[in-house]
Amino acid sequence: MALNDAQIRLFLQEDEEESAARTAKYTGKSPFHLAAIRLARNRLALFCFVVIMLFILIAILSNFNILGLHDKALQFNDGTMANRYLPFGSPGHILGTDNLGRDILARVLMGTKVSLFLGFVSGLLMVPIAVIVGSLSGYFGGWFDELSQYVMSVIIAIPGILIIMSLIQMMGKDFFTIAFAFAITGWVGLSRVIRGTFIQAREFEYVLAARALGANSTRIIFKHILPNVFHFVIIQFVLYFISVIKSEVFLAYIGLSMVGVPTWGVMIDNSRNEVINGNWQNLAGPTLFMFIFLVCLNIFGDALRDALDPKLRNM
């Protein structure tokens, strides 16, 4: 059915009114407020956020011997070997026990603390380095840009795992040494992304306008440009967090993880000789928890990145 001119004008007017109402609805709200509104529409992301918060709560509570958690995770057999390799679903041992009679679920819960804190602390060390180096080299250029590019090229030329292994061998197998080693090798990727974005953004009209109005470089970098690349920081942090958790498993496999502490990597490493004999408890427990956490972190990270994307702020 063909539409006459009056009907077309009516449809266009209604569309303009709807667009104006939608724009007015979000006018005056901060970028983070708009991001929260968009994120609240994604039910799957909210569910994943709840799961992530549950893991964080487990990591915090595992510092305390609640319900005898530490005793179950660290106690050994009494010499009778009665609790050795109990299967899944055993009374009092939902995920079974290992070769020393220690409760798998309790050890997985304690390992959650180490894995999450390791990813979080190394991320806190990595992000400031990447943001500062990338923003300064991209905005100012010159000798600082050349120097930072040289350092990045050197780090990229050497496999990151070799740098991590070398630092751990020299400085020891403690928690902060491993976190520092991950941060030293992990900042380059994010820094290069931020540098490229700043090189483009320093010629944008809103930056030129701010400079013409007398804004100094510090205000332009942190007030005008950096908020527009914050979604890159979010997604890179999530990917980095995932990489740290997986790399800790590899370090445990080659004997460079923390000693005397139950971690997901150590448990998976301990299962190497057990799986051959049909004892999957040490492998299945941490793998299940790791899979759930990493999937939820991926989904929530993508949703958060989309919510913070400045291109979607009026949608």
Foldseek 3Di string as FASTA:
>chain_A
DDDDPVVVVVVVVVVVVVLVVLQVVQPPPDLVVQLVVLLVVDPLLVVLVVVLVVLVVLLVCLVDCPPNLVCLQPPFDPPPQPQALAPAPDVVANLGAHRRNHRLQSLLSQQSNLLQVLLVLLLVLQLVVLLVLLLCCLQPPDPSVVVVVVVLVVLVVDPLVVQLVVQCVVPHADRVSNSPSLSVNQNSVSNNVSSVQSNVVCPDPVNVVCVVVPDDPVCCRPPPRVLQCVLSSLLSSLVSSLVSSVVLLVCLLVPRHDPPGRHLSVLCNVCPVVVVVVRCSSPPSNVVVSVSSSVSSNVNSVSSSVSSNPVPSSD
